[in-house]
Amino acid sequence: MRNSLRRWKNEKLSERLAKVFESKAIKFMYFPDKEMVVDAVSKLVPDEATVSAGGSLTLQETGVSDLLKSGKYNFLDRDSVSGNEEKKRIMISAFEADYYFCSANAITESGEILLLDGNGNRAAAVTFGPDKVILIAGVNKVVSDLDAGIKRIRSIAPMNAKRLNLHTPCAESGLCTDCDSDERICEIYSIIVDSRRRPWRYTVILVGEELGL
């Protein structure tokens, strides 16, 4: 009973968001189960397209990361190299990708998409460069408004710092202290408000499960 009620609530949320994003010229898709995402992406992205991606647990959990690495596409993969300069070269080349994949840190019920970056490569690629951007997120990323989105980002930042093995105060305490660490990952906030100037460049895929952080 509880699962069916959650599924119903998520579907109603997706119906509201679909209308909001359509008004912003952002394509929106909803899937109740993460197992449905790979098939959807396969249909969205033609074979041999040039693709790239930001680091994302959500892409891993949905199987999209494996799809991008499968050989079906020309994948610009920064994790395939070890040197910092080579990684930087691949991150810059992602600007010329046909499709760029990532998740969001938060999505508001009004249709704003919030991103937080340390280096800014994801924010830069999402806001300018690739022909199409596909953002995949679980329902746990949906918040009421921008203030709630910022609060959510600050609450998950310590987990991201821990995941990346950074030596920041939050990786030790589990709490954001708005630190001045050299390894701080909370450097660049970006907010996508709409896409009417570049209609349908963005696709938001919402999954009715908790994904990522």
N, C-alpha and C. Protein backbone atom coordinates (compact mmCIF):
# COMPACT_ATOMS: atom_id res chain seq x y z
N MET A 1 0.82 -1.20 0.00
CA MET A 1 0.00 0.00 0.00
C MET A 1 0.87 1.26 0.00
N ARG A 2 1.89 1.27 0.87
CA ARG A 2 2.76 2.44 0.97
C ARG A 2 3.47 2.70 -0.35
N ASN A 3 3.97 1.65 -1.00
CA ASN A 3 4.67 1.82 -2.27
C ASN A 3 3.74 2.34 -3.36
N SER A 4 2.50 1.85 -3.36
CA SER A 4 1.55 2.30 -4.38
C SER A 4 1.19 3.77 -4.17
N LEU A 5 1.09 4.21 -2.91
CA LEU A 5 0.80 5.61 -2.64
C LEU A 5 1.96 6.51 -3.05
N ARG A 6 3.19 6.05 -2.78
CA ARG A 6 4.36 6.83 -3.20
C ARG A 6 4.42 6.92 -4.73
N ARG A 7 4.12 5.82 -5.38
CA ARG A 7 4.13 5.81 -6.84
C ARG A 7 3.09 6.79 -7.39
N TRP A 8 1.90 6.81 -6.78
CA TRP A 8 0.84 7.74 -7.18
C TRP A 8 1.28 9.18 -6.96
N LYS A 9 1.88 9.46 -5.81
CA LYS A 9 2.34 10.82 -5.52
C LYS A 9 3.40 11.26 -6.50
N ASN A 10 4.34 10.39 -6.82
CA ASN A 10 5.40 10.73 -7.77
C ASN A 10 4.84 10.99 -9.16
N GLU A 11 3.83 10.22 -9.55
CA GLU A 11 3.21 10.43 -10.85
C GLU A 11 2.51 11.79 -10.91
N LYS A 12 1.84 12.17 -9.82
CA LYS A 12 1.18 13.47 -9.78
C LYS A 12 2.21 14.60 -9.82
N LEU A 13 3.32 14.42 -9.12
CA LEU A 13 4.41 15.39 -9.17
C LEU A 13 4.94 15.52 -10.59
N SER A 14 5.12 14.41 -11.26
CA SER A 14 5.64 14.43 -12.63
C SER A 14 4.68 15.13 -13.58
N GLU A 15 3.39 14.99 -13.35
CA GLU A 15 2.41 15.67 -14.20
C GLU A 15 2.52 17.18 -14.06
N ARG A 16 2.73 17.65 -12.83
CA ARG A 16 2.88 19.09 -12.61
C ARG A 16 4.17 19.59 -13.24
N LEU A 17 5.25 18.84 -13.04
CA LEU A 17 6.54 19.27 -13.58
C LEU A 17 6.54 19.26 -15.10
N ALA A 18 5.83 18.31 -15.70
CA ALA A 18 5.77 18.24 -17.16
C ALA A 18 5.20 19.53 -17.73
N LYS A 19 4.15 20.06 -17.11
CA LYS A 19 3.55 21.31 -17.56
C LYS A 19 4.49 22.49 -17.35
N VAL A 20 5.16 22.50 -16.20
CA VAL A 20 6.09 23.59 -15.90
C VAL A 20 7.24 23.61 -16.90
N PHE A 21 7.84 22.47 -17.14
CA PHE A 21 9.00 22.43 -18.04
C PHE A 21 8.59 22.70 -19.49
N GLU A 22 7.43 22.24 -19.89
CA GLU A 22 6.97 22.52 -21.25
C GLU A 22 6.85 24.03 -21.47
N SER A 23 6.39 24.75 -20.45
CA SER A 23 6.26 26.20 -20.58
C SER A 23 7.61 26.88 -20.69
N LYS A 24 8.68 26.19 -20.30
CA LYS A 24 10.02 26.74 -20.36
C LYS A 24 10.81 26.21 -21.57
N ALA A 25 10.14 25.48 -22.46
CA ALA A 25 10.78 24.87 -23.64
C ALA A 25 11.86 23.86 -23.23
N ILE A 26 11.58 23.13 -22.14
CA ILE A 26 12.46 22.06 -21.68
C ILE A 26 11.69 20.74 -21.77
N LYS A 27 12.25 19.78 -22.46
CA LYS A 27 11.59 18.49 -22.60
C LYS A 27 11.64 17.75 -21.26
N PHE A 28 10.55 17.09 -20.92
CA PHE A 28 10.47 16.38 -19.64
C PHE A 28 9.97 14.96 -19.86
N MET A 29 10.63 14.01 -19.19
CA MET A 29 10.21 12.62 -19.25
C MET A 29 10.20 12.06 -17.83
N TYR A 30 9.24 11.21 -17.55
CA TYR A 30 9.15 10.59 -16.23
C TYR A 30 9.08 9.08 -16.37
N PHE A 31 9.87 8.39 -15.53
CA PHE A 31 9.83 6.94 -15.48
C PHE A 31 9.75 6.51 -14.02
N PRO A 32 8.83 5.63 -13.68
CA PRO A 32 8.70 5.21 -12.28
C PRO A 32 9.88 4.38 -11.80
N ASP A 33 10.56 3.68 -12.71
CA ASP A 33 11.64 2.77 -12.33
C ASP A 33 12.93 3.12 -13.08
N LYS A 34 14.04 3.02 -12.38
CA LYS A 34 15.33 3.38 -12.99
C LYS A 34 15.72 2.46 -14.13
N GLU A 35 15.19 1.22 -14.12
CA GLU A 35 15.53 0.27 -15.18
C GLU A 35 15.00 0.71 -16.55
N MET A 36 14.10 1.68 -16.56
CA MET A 36 13.51 2.13 -17.81
C MET A 36 14.34 3.22 -18.50
N VAL A 37 15.33 3.75 -17.80
CA VAL A 37 16.05 4.93 -18.30
C VAL A 37 16.96 4.60 -19.47
N VAL A 38 17.68 3.50 -19.39
CA VAL A 38 18.65 3.17 -20.46
C VAL A 38 17.95 3.04 -21.80
N ASP A 39 16.80 2.37 -21.83
CA ASP A 39 16.08 2.21 -23.08
C ASP A 39 15.65 3.57 -23.63
N ALA A 40 15.21 4.47 -22.74
CA ALA A 40 14.80 5.80 -23.18
C ALA A 40 15.97 6.57 -23.77
N VAL A 41 17.11 6.50 -23.10
CA VAL A 41 18.30 7.21 -23.59
C VAL A 41 18.73 6.64 -24.94
N SER A 42 18.67 5.33 -25.09
CA SER A 42 19.05 4.70 -26.35
C SER A 42 18.20 5.21 -27.51
N LYS A 43 16.94 5.52 -27.22
CA LYS A 43 16.04 6.02 -28.25
C LYS A 43 16.26 7.51 -28.51
N LEU A 44 16.71 8.23 -27.50
CA LEU A 44 16.93 9.66 -27.64
C LEU A 44 18.20 9.98 -28.41
N VAL A 45 19.23 9.17 -28.20
CA VAL A 45 20.56 9.48 -28.73
C VAL A 45 20.91 8.52 -29.87
N PRO A 46 21.15 9.03 -31.07
CA PRO A 46 21.47 8.15 -32.19
C PRO A 46 22.83 7.49 -32.03
N ASP A 47 22.97 6.32 -32.62
CA ASP A 47 24.24 5.60 -32.60
C ASP A 47 25.35 6.48 -33.17
N GLU A 48 26.54 6.33 -32.59
CA GLU A 48 27.75 7.01 -33.02
C GLU A 48 27.75 8.51 -32.74
N ALA A 49 26.75 8.98 -32.00
CA ALA A 49 26.78 10.38 -31.58
C ALA A 49 27.95 10.61 -30.63
N THR A 50 28.48 11.82 -30.62
CA THR A 50 29.53 12.17 -29.68
C THR A 50 28.89 12.62 -28.38
N VAL A 51 29.25 11.93 -27.30
CA VAL A 51 28.61 12.21 -26.00
C VAL A 51 29.69 12.42 -24.94
N SER A 52 29.30 13.12 -23.88
CA SER A 52 30.18 13.28 -22.73
C SER A 52 29.30 13.36 -21.49
N ALA A 53 29.93 13.39 -20.32
CA ALA A 53 29.14 13.36 -19.08
C ALA A 53 29.92 13.95 -17.93
N GLY A 54 29.18 14.50 -16.98
CA GLY A 54 29.75 14.91 -15.71
C GLY A 54 29.74 13.74 -14.75
N GLY A 55 30.54 13.82 -13.71
CA GLY A 55 30.56 12.76 -12.72
C GLY A 55 29.21 12.66 -12.02
N SER A 56 28.66 11.45 -11.89
CA SER A 56 27.31 11.33 -11.35
C SER A 56 27.04 9.92 -10.86
N LEU A 57 26.63 9.80 -9.60
CA LEU A 57 26.17 8.51 -9.09
C LEU A 57 24.87 8.09 -9.77
N THR A 58 24.04 9.07 -10.09
CA THR A 58 22.76 8.77 -10.74
C THR A 58 22.97 8.10 -12.09
N LEU A 59 23.93 8.58 -12.87
CA LEU A 59 24.22 7.95 -14.16
C LEU A 59 24.69 6.52 -13.97
N GLN A 60 25.45 6.29 -12.91
CA GLN A 60 25.90 4.92 -12.62
C GLN A 60 24.73 4.04 -12.21
N GLU A 61 23.88 4.54 -11.33
CA GLU A 61 22.79 3.74 -10.77
C GLU A 61 21.72 3.40 -11.81
N THR A 62 21.55 4.25 -12.80
CA THR A 62 20.55 3.98 -13.84
C THR A 62 21.11 3.13 -14.97
N GLY A 63 22.42 2.91 -14.99
CA GLY A 63 23.04 2.15 -16.07
C GLY A 63 23.43 3.01 -17.26
N VAL A 64 23.19 4.31 -17.18
CA VAL A 64 23.52 5.20 -18.31
C VAL A 64 25.03 5.29 -18.50
N SER A 65 25.79 5.30 -17.42
CA SER A 65 27.26 5.33 -17.55
C SER A 65 27.76 4.15 -18.36
N ASP A 66 27.24 2.96 -18.07
CA ASP A 66 27.65 1.77 -18.82
C ASP A 66 27.23 1.87 -20.29
N LEU A 67 26.07 2.43 -20.53
CA LEU A 67 25.62 2.60 -21.91
C LEU A 67 26.56 3.52 -22.68
N LEU A 68 26.97 4.61 -22.06
CA LEU A 68 27.86 5.55 -22.74
C LEU A 68 29.21 4.92 -23.06
N LYS A 69 29.63 3.99 -22.21
CA LYS A 69 30.92 3.33 -22.39
C LYS A 69 30.84 2.08 -23.27
N SER A 70 29.66 1.74 -23.73
CA SER A 70 29.43 0.45 -24.40
C SER A 70 30.02 0.36 -25.80
N GLY A 71 30.43 1.48 -26.38
CA GLY A 71 30.91 1.48 -27.76
C GLY A 71 29.84 1.92 -28.74
N LYS A 72 28.64 2.11 -28.26
CA LYS A 72 27.52 2.56 -29.11
C LYS A 72 27.74 4.00 -29.57
N TYR A 73 28.47 4.77 -28.73
CA TYR A 73 28.69 6.19 -28.99
C TYR A 73 30.17 6.53 -28.98
N ASN A 74 30.50 7.70 -29.49
CA ASN A 74 31.84 8.26 -29.35
C ASN A 74 31.87 8.99 -28.01
N PHE A 75 32.34 8.32 -26.97
CA PHE A 75 32.26 8.84 -25.61
C PHE A 75 33.52 9.58 -25.22
N LEU A 76 33.39 10.86 -24.93
CA LEU A 76 34.51 11.67 -24.43
C LEU A 76 34.57 11.45 -22.93
N ASP A 77 35.44 10.54 -22.50
CA ASP A 77 35.45 10.05 -21.12
C ASP A 77 36.69 10.55 -20.38
N ARG A 78 36.50 11.52 -19.50
CA ARG A 78 37.63 12.06 -18.76
C ARG A 78 38.24 11.04 -17.82
N ASP A 79 37.44 10.06 -17.39
CA ASP A 79 37.96 9.05 -16.47
C ASP A 79 38.79 7.98 -17.17
N SER A 80 38.89 8.07 -18.49
CA SER A 80 39.69 7.10 -19.23
C SER A 80 41.16 7.46 -19.25
N VAL A 81 41.50 8.65 -18.72
CA VAL A 81 42.89 9.09 -18.69
C VAL A 81 43.27 9.45 -17.26
N SER A 82 44.58 9.51 -16.99
CA SER A 82 45.02 9.76 -15.63
C SER A 82 45.62 11.15 -15.42
N GLY A 83 46.22 11.72 -16.43
CA GLY A 83 46.88 13.01 -16.28
C GLY A 83 45.88 14.16 -16.20
N ASN A 84 46.17 15.15 -15.37
CA ASN A 84 45.28 16.29 -15.20
C ASN A 84 45.10 17.08 -16.49
N GLU A 85 46.18 17.26 -17.23
CA GLU A 85 46.08 18.02 -18.47
C GLU A 85 45.22 17.31 -19.50
N GLU A 86 45.36 15.98 -19.56
CA GLU A 86 44.55 15.21 -20.50
C GLU A 86 43.08 15.23 -20.09
N LYS A 87 42.83 15.15 -18.78
CA LYS A 87 41.45 15.26 -18.29
C LYS A 87 40.86 16.61 -18.67
N LYS A 88 41.64 17.65 -18.49
CA LYS A 88 41.17 19.00 -18.82
C LYS A 88 40.86 19.10 -20.31
N ARG A 89 41.71 18.51 -21.14
CA ARG A 89 41.48 18.56 -22.59
C ARG A 89 40.16 17.90 -22.95
N ILE A 90 39.87 16.75 -22.32
CA ILE A 90 38.62 16.05 -22.61
C ILE A 90 37.42 16.84 -22.10
N MET A 91 37.57 17.47 -20.93
CA MET A 91 36.45 18.26 -20.40
C MET A 91 36.14 19.45 -21.30
N ILE A 92 37.18 20.04 -21.88
CA ILE A 92 36.95 21.16 -22.80
C ILE A 92 36.36 20.66 -24.11
N SER A 93 36.81 19.50 -24.57
CA SER A 93 36.28 18.96 -25.83
C SER A 93 34.80 18.58 -25.69
N ALA A 94 34.34 18.39 -24.45
CA ALA A 94 32.93 18.07 -24.22
C ALA A 94 32.01 19.18 -24.71
N PHE A 95 32.55 20.41 -24.83
CA PHE A 95 31.74 21.52 -25.34
C PHE A 95 31.23 21.26 -26.75
N GLU A 96 31.94 20.41 -27.50
CA GLU A 96 31.55 20.13 -28.88
C GLU A 96 30.77 18.83 -29.01
N ALA A 97 30.37 18.25 -27.89
CA ALA A 97 29.61 17.00 -27.93
C ALA A 97 28.20 17.23 -28.48
N ASP A 98 27.65 16.17 -29.06
CA ASP A 98 26.26 16.23 -29.50
C ASP A 98 25.31 16.18 -28.29
N TYR A 99 25.68 15.38 -27.29
CA TYR A 99 24.87 15.21 -26.09
C TYR A 99 25.76 15.23 -24.86
N TYR A 100 25.29 15.91 -23.83
CA TYR A 100 25.99 15.93 -22.55
C TYR A 100 25.04 15.42 -21.47
N PHE A 101 25.55 14.50 -20.63
CA PHE A 101 24.75 13.87 -19.59
C PHE A 101 25.24 14.27 -18.20
N CYS A 102 24.31 14.48 -17.31
CA CYS A 102 24.66 14.70 -15.91
C CYS A 102 23.39 14.59 -15.08
N SER A 103 23.53 14.77 -13.78
CA SER A 103 22.36 14.90 -12.93
C SER A 103 22.28 16.34 -12.47
N ALA A 104 21.31 16.63 -11.62
CA ALA A 104 21.18 17.95 -11.01
C ALA A 104 21.33 17.78 -9.51
N ASN A 105 21.71 18.84 -8.83
CA ASN A 105 21.76 18.80 -7.37
C ASN A 105 20.40 19.03 -6.75
N ALA A 106 19.56 19.78 -7.47
CA ALA A 106 18.19 20.01 -7.01
C ALA A 106 17.36 20.51 -8.18
N ILE A 107 16.07 20.20 -8.13
CA ILE A 107 15.10 20.68 -9.11
C ILE A 107 13.91 21.23 -8.34
N THR A 108 13.52 22.46 -8.60
CA THR A 108 12.41 23.03 -7.85
C THR A 108 11.08 22.70 -8.53
N GLU A 109 10.01 22.80 -7.76
CA GLU A 109 8.69 22.55 -8.31
C GLU A 109 8.28 23.63 -9.31
N SER A 110 9.02 24.72 -9.35
CA SER A 110 8.79 25.77 -10.34
C SER A 110 9.64 25.59 -11.59
N GLY A 111 10.42 24.50 -11.62
CA GLY A 111 11.18 24.18 -12.81
C GLY A 111 12.57 24.76 -12.90
N GLU A 112 13.13 25.27 -11.80
CA GLU A 112 14.54 25.67 -11.82
C GLU A 112 15.43 24.46 -11.58
N ILE A 113 16.55 24.41 -12.26
CA ILE A 113 17.50 23.31 -12.13
C ILE A 113 18.77 23.86 -11.51
N LEU A 114 19.16 23.33 -10.36
CA LEU A 114 20.32 23.84 -9.63
C LEU A 114 21.49 22.89 -9.76
N LEU A 115 22.66 23.47 -10.02
CA LEU A 115 23.91 22.71 -10.10
C LEU A 115 24.94 23.36 -9.19
N LEU A 116 25.76 22.53 -8.59
CA LEU A 116 26.90 23.01 -7.79
C LEU A 116 28.15 22.32 -8.28
N ASP A 117 29.18 23.10 -8.59
CA ASP A 117 30.43 22.54 -9.11
C ASP A 117 31.63 23.05 -8.33
N GLY A 118 32.68 22.25 -8.37
CA GLY A 118 33.96 22.68 -7.84
C GLY A 118 34.81 23.31 -8.92
N ASN A 119 35.04 22.57 -10.02
CA ASN A 119 35.84 23.09 -11.12
C ASN A 119 35.02 23.90 -12.12
N GLY A 120 33.74 23.62 -12.20
CA GLY A 120 32.88 24.34 -13.12
C GLY A 120 32.71 23.70 -14.48
N ASN A 121 33.36 22.55 -14.72
CA ASN A 121 33.26 21.93 -16.04
C ASN A 121 31.84 21.47 -16.35
N ARG A 122 31.14 20.92 -15.36
CA ARG A 122 29.77 20.47 -15.59
C ARG A 122 28.86 21.68 -15.84
N ALA A 123 28.94 22.68 -14.96
CA ALA A 123 28.11 23.87 -15.12
C ALA A 123 28.34 24.54 -16.46
N ALA A 124 29.60 24.60 -16.88
CA ALA A 124 29.93 25.24 -18.15
C ALA A 124 29.34 24.47 -19.32
N ALA A 125 29.48 23.15 -19.31
CA ALA A 125 28.96 22.34 -20.42
C ALA A 125 27.44 22.36 -20.45
N VAL A 126 26.82 22.37 -19.29
CA VAL A 126 25.36 22.37 -19.24
C VAL A 126 24.81 23.69 -19.77
N THR A 127 25.45 24.79 -19.41
CA THR A 127 24.91 26.08 -19.78
C THR A 127 25.31 26.53 -21.19
N PHE A 128 26.41 25.99 -21.72
CA PHE A 128 26.85 26.42 -23.04
C PHE A 128 27.74 25.36 -23.66
N GLY A 129 27.49 25.04 -24.94
CA GLY A 129 28.39 24.14 -25.64
C GLY A 129 27.68 23.01 -26.35
N PRO A 130 27.50 21.88 -25.68
CA PRO A 130 26.89 20.72 -26.34
C PRO A 130 25.53 21.04 -26.95
N ASP A 131 25.20 20.35 -28.06
CA ASP A 131 23.94 20.61 -28.74
C ASP A 131 22.74 20.30 -27.83
N LYS A 132 22.82 19.18 -27.12
CA LYS A 132 21.73 18.76 -26.25
C LYS A 132 22.28 18.38 -24.88
N VAL A 133 21.49 18.64 -23.85
CA VAL A 133 21.87 18.29 -22.49
C VAL A 133 20.76 17.45 -21.88
N ILE A 134 21.12 16.28 -21.36
CA ILE A 134 20.16 15.38 -20.73
C ILE A 134 20.49 15.27 -19.25
N LEU A 135 19.57 15.74 -18.42
CA LEU A 135 19.75 15.71 -16.96
C LEU A 135 18.84 14.64 -16.39
N ILE A 136 19.43 13.72 -15.63
CA ILE A 136 18.68 12.60 -15.06
C ILE A 136 18.71 12.72 -13.54
N ALA A 137 17.56 12.63 -12.91
CA ALA A 137 17.50 12.82 -11.45
C ALA A 137 16.40 11.97 -10.84
N GLY A 138 16.63 11.56 -9.60
CA GLY A 138 15.60 10.87 -8.84
C GLY A 138 14.67 11.87 -8.18
N VAL A 139 13.52 11.41 -7.71
CA VAL A 139 12.55 12.32 -7.10
C VAL A 139 13.07 12.94 -5.82
N ASN A 140 14.11 12.35 -5.23
CA ASN A 140 14.69 12.93 -4.03
C ASN A 140 15.34 14.29 -4.29
N LYS A 141 15.59 14.60 -5.57
CA LYS A 141 16.20 15.89 -5.92
C LYS A 141 15.17 17.02 -6.02
N VAL A 142 13.89 16.70 -6.02
CA VAL A 142 12.86 17.72 -6.20
C VAL A 142 12.57 18.42 -4.88
N VAL A 143 12.62 19.75 -4.91
CA VAL A 143 12.39 20.57 -3.70
C VAL A 143 11.35 21.64 -4.01
N SER A 144 10.91 22.32 -2.99
CA SER A 144 9.82 23.29 -3.16
C SER A 144 10.25 24.54 -3.90
N ASP A 145 11.42 25.09 -3.55
CA ASP A 145 11.82 26.37 -4.14
C ASP A 145 13.35 26.50 -4.10
N LEU A 146 13.85 27.65 -4.55
CA LEU A 146 15.30 27.85 -4.63
C LEU A 146 15.97 27.79 -3.27
N ASP A 147 15.35 28.37 -2.26
CA ASP A 147 15.94 28.32 -0.91
C ASP A 147 16.09 26.88 -0.44
N ALA A 148 15.07 26.08 -0.69
CA ALA A 148 15.14 24.66 -0.31
C ALA A 148 16.21 23.95 -1.13
N GLY A 149 16.40 24.39 -2.38
CA GLY A 149 17.43 23.78 -3.22
C GLY A 149 18.82 24.05 -2.68
N ILE A 150 19.07 25.30 -2.27
CA ILE A 150 20.37 25.65 -1.69
C ILE A 150 20.61 24.87 -0.40
N LYS A 151 19.59 24.77 0.43
CA LYS A 151 19.72 24.00 1.67
C LYS A 151 20.02 22.54 1.37
N ARG A 152 19.37 22.01 0.35
CA ARG A 152 19.63 20.62 -0.01
C ARG A 152 21.08 20.44 -0.46
N ILE A 153 21.55 21.36 -1.27
CA ILE A 153 22.93 21.28 -1.76
C ILE A 153 23.92 21.31 -0.61
N ARG A 154 23.70 22.21 0.34
CA ARG A 154 24.61 22.30 1.48
C ARG A 154 24.57 21.04 2.33
N SER A 155 23.41 20.38 2.37
CA SER A 155 23.30 19.17 3.19
C SER A 155 23.98 17.97 2.56
N ILE A 156 24.04 17.94 1.21
CA ILE A 156 24.66 16.78 0.56
C ILE A 156 26.13 17.02 0.22
N ALA A 157 26.59 18.27 0.28
CA ALA A 157 27.99 18.57 -0.06
C ALA A 157 28.99 17.74 0.74
N PRO A 158 28.78 17.55 2.05
CA PRO A 158 29.73 16.72 2.80
C PRO A 158 29.84 15.30 2.26
N MET A 159 28.72 14.74 1.82
CA MET A 159 28.76 13.38 1.27
C MET A 159 29.52 13.33 -0.04
N ASN A 160 29.34 14.35 -0.86
CA ASN A 160 30.10 14.40 -2.11
C ASN A 160 31.59 14.57 -1.84
N ALA A 161 31.93 15.40 -0.86
CA ALA A 161 33.34 15.58 -0.50
C ALA A 161 33.94 14.27 0.00
N LYS A 162 33.17 13.55 0.81
CA LYS A 162 33.63 12.26 1.32
C LYS A 162 33.79 11.26 0.18
N ARG A 163 32.83 11.25 -0.75
CA ARG A 163 32.88 10.34 -1.90
C ARG A 163 34.11 10.57 -2.75
N LEU A 164 34.52 11.84 -2.85
CA LEU A 164 35.67 12.19 -3.69
C LEU A 164 36.99 12.18 -2.92
N ASN A 165 36.93 11.72 -1.66
CA ASN A 165 38.13 11.61 -0.82
C ASN A 165 38.85 12.95 -0.65
N LEU A 166 38.06 14.01 -0.48
CA LEU A 166 38.64 15.33 -0.29
C LEU A 166 38.92 15.58 1.20
N HIS A 167 39.85 16.48 1.44
CA HIS A 167 40.23 16.82 2.82
C HIS A 167 39.63 18.18 3.19
N THR A 168 38.32 18.22 3.25
CA THR A 168 37.60 19.42 3.62
C THR A 168 37.00 19.25 5.01
N PRO A 169 36.72 20.33 5.71
CA PRO A 169 36.09 20.20 7.04
C PRO A 169 34.81 19.39 7.01
N CYS A 170 34.00 19.56 5.95
CA CYS A 170 32.73 18.84 5.90
C CYS A 170 32.92 17.34 5.71
N ALA A 171 34.03 16.94 5.07
CA ALA A 171 34.31 15.51 4.90
C ALA A 171 34.67 14.85 6.21
N GLU A 172 35.03 15.66 7.20
CA GLU A 172 35.33 15.15 8.54
C GLU A 172 34.10 15.23 9.45
N SER A 173 33.40 16.37 9.42
CA SER A 173 32.30 16.59 10.36
C SER A 173 30.95 16.16 9.83
N GLY A 174 30.81 16.09 8.49
CA GLY A 174 29.53 15.77 7.90
C GLY A 174 28.62 16.97 7.77
N LEU A 175 29.13 18.17 8.11
CA LEU A 175 28.33 19.39 8.06
C LEU A 175 29.04 20.46 7.23
N CYS A 176 28.27 21.20 6.44
CA CYS A 176 28.84 22.30 5.66
C CYS A 176 29.12 23.47 6.59
N THR A 177 30.34 24.00 6.52
CA THR A 177 30.71 25.16 7.33
C THR A 177 31.10 26.35 6.46
N ASP A 178 30.75 26.28 5.17
CA ASP A 178 31.13 27.34 4.23
C ASP A 178 32.62 27.62 4.34
N CYS A 179 33.40 26.56 4.18
CA CYS A 179 34.83 26.57 4.50
C CYS A 179 35.65 27.36 3.49
N ASP A 180 36.93 27.54 3.83
CA ASP A 180 37.88 28.18 2.91
C ASP A 180 38.96 27.19 2.50
N SER A 181 38.61 25.91 2.48
CA SER A 181 39.57 24.86 2.12
C SER A 181 39.97 24.99 0.65
N ASP A 182 41.24 24.64 0.35
CA ASP A 182 41.72 24.61 -1.02
C ASP A 182 41.00 23.54 -1.85
N GLU A 183 40.38 22.55 -1.18
CA GLU A 183 39.69 21.47 -1.88
C GLU A 183 38.17 21.66 -1.85
N ARG A 184 37.74 22.83 -1.47
CA ARG A 184 36.31 23.14 -1.41
C ARG A 184 35.64 22.82 -2.75
N ILE A 185 34.50 22.15 -2.72
CA ILE A 185 33.78 21.83 -3.95
C ILE A 185 32.59 22.73 -4.18
N CYS A 186 32.30 23.61 -3.23
CA CYS A 186 31.14 24.52 -3.35
C CYS A 186 31.59 25.87 -3.91
N GLU A 187 32.08 25.88 -5.14
CA GLU A 187 32.61 27.11 -5.72
C GLU A 187 31.65 27.77 -6.68
N ILE A 188 30.92 26.97 -7.46
CA ILE A 188 30.14 27.54 -8.55
C ILE A 188 28.70 27.03 -8.50
N TYR A 189 27.78 27.92 -8.19
CA TYR A 189 26.37 27.61 -8.27
C TYR A 189 25.83 28.10 -9.61
N SER A 190 25.03 27.28 -10.28
CA SER A 190 24.37 27.74 -11.49
C SER A 190 22.90 27.29 -11.44
N ILE A 191 22.05 28.12 -12.00
CA ILE A 191 20.61 27.86 -11.99
C ILE A 191 20.07 28.02 -13.41
N ILE A 192 19.48 26.97 -13.94
CA ILE A 192 18.81 27.03 -15.23
C ILE A 192 17.36 27.44 -14.97
N VAL A 193 16.98 28.59 -15.47
CA VAL A 193 15.64 29.11 -15.21
C VAL A 193 14.66 28.68 -16.30
N ASP A 194 15.09 28.77 -17.56
CA ASP A 194 14.26 28.28 -18.66
C ASP A 194 15.14 28.10 -19.90
N SER A 195 14.53 27.66 -21.00
CA SER A 195 15.30 27.45 -22.23
C SER A 195 14.57 28.00 -23.44
N ARG A 196 13.78 29.04 -23.25
CA ARG A 196 13.01 29.59 -24.36
C ARG A 196 13.90 30.22 -25.43
N ARG A 197 15.07 30.68 -25.03
CA ARG A 197 16.00 31.23 -26.02
C ARG A 197 16.63 30.12 -26.85
N ARG A 198 16.80 28.95 -26.26
CA ARG A 198 17.33 27.77 -26.95
C ARG A 198 16.36 26.62 -26.73
N PRO A 199 15.19 26.67 -27.38
CA PRO A 199 14.12 25.71 -27.08
C PRO A 199 14.51 24.26 -27.28
N TRP A 200 14.14 23.45 -26.28
CA TRP A 200 14.28 22.00 -26.28
C TRP A 200 15.74 21.53 -26.28
N ARG A 201 16.65 22.41 -25.89
CA ARG A 201 18.05 21.98 -25.74
C ARG A 201 18.18 21.02 -24.57
N TYR A 202 17.40 21.25 -23.53
CA TYR A 202 17.48 20.43 -22.33
C TYR A 202 16.39 19.36 -22.31
N THR A 203 16.76 18.20 -21.81
CA THR A 203 15.79 17.15 -21.48
C THR A 203 16.01 16.76 -20.03
N VAL A 204 14.95 16.84 -19.24
CA VAL A 204 15.00 16.40 -17.85
C VAL A 204 14.30 15.05 -17.76
N ILE A 205 15.02 14.05 -17.28
CA ILE A 205 14.44 12.73 -17.05
C ILE A 205 14.33 12.53 -15.54
N LEU A 206 13.11 12.48 -15.06
CA LEU A 206 12.87 12.27 -13.63
C LEU A 206 12.50 10.82 -13.40
N VAL A 207 13.10 10.24 -12.37
CA VAL A 207 12.85 8.83 -12.03
C VAL A 207 12.18 8.77 -10.67
N GLY A 208 11.16 7.94 -10.56
CA GLY A 208 10.39 7.85 -9.34
C GLY A 208 11.05 7.03 -8.25
N GLU A 209 12.35 7.18 -8.09
CA GLU A 209 13.13 6.51 -7.06
C GLU A 209 14.16 7.48 -6.51
N GLU A 210 14.70 7.17 -5.35
CA GLU A 210 15.81 7.95 -4.83
C GLU A 210 17.09 7.52 -5.53
N LEU A 211 17.76 8.48 -6.13
CA LEU A 211 18.99 8.19 -6.87
C LEU A 211 20.06 9.22 -6.49
N GLY A 212 21.30 8.81 -6.54
CA GLY A 212 22.40 9.72 -6.26
C GLY A 212 22.35 10.22 -4.83
N LEU A 213 22.92 11.40 -4.63
CA LEU A 213 22.93 12.02 -3.30
C LEU A 213 21.98 13.22 -3.25
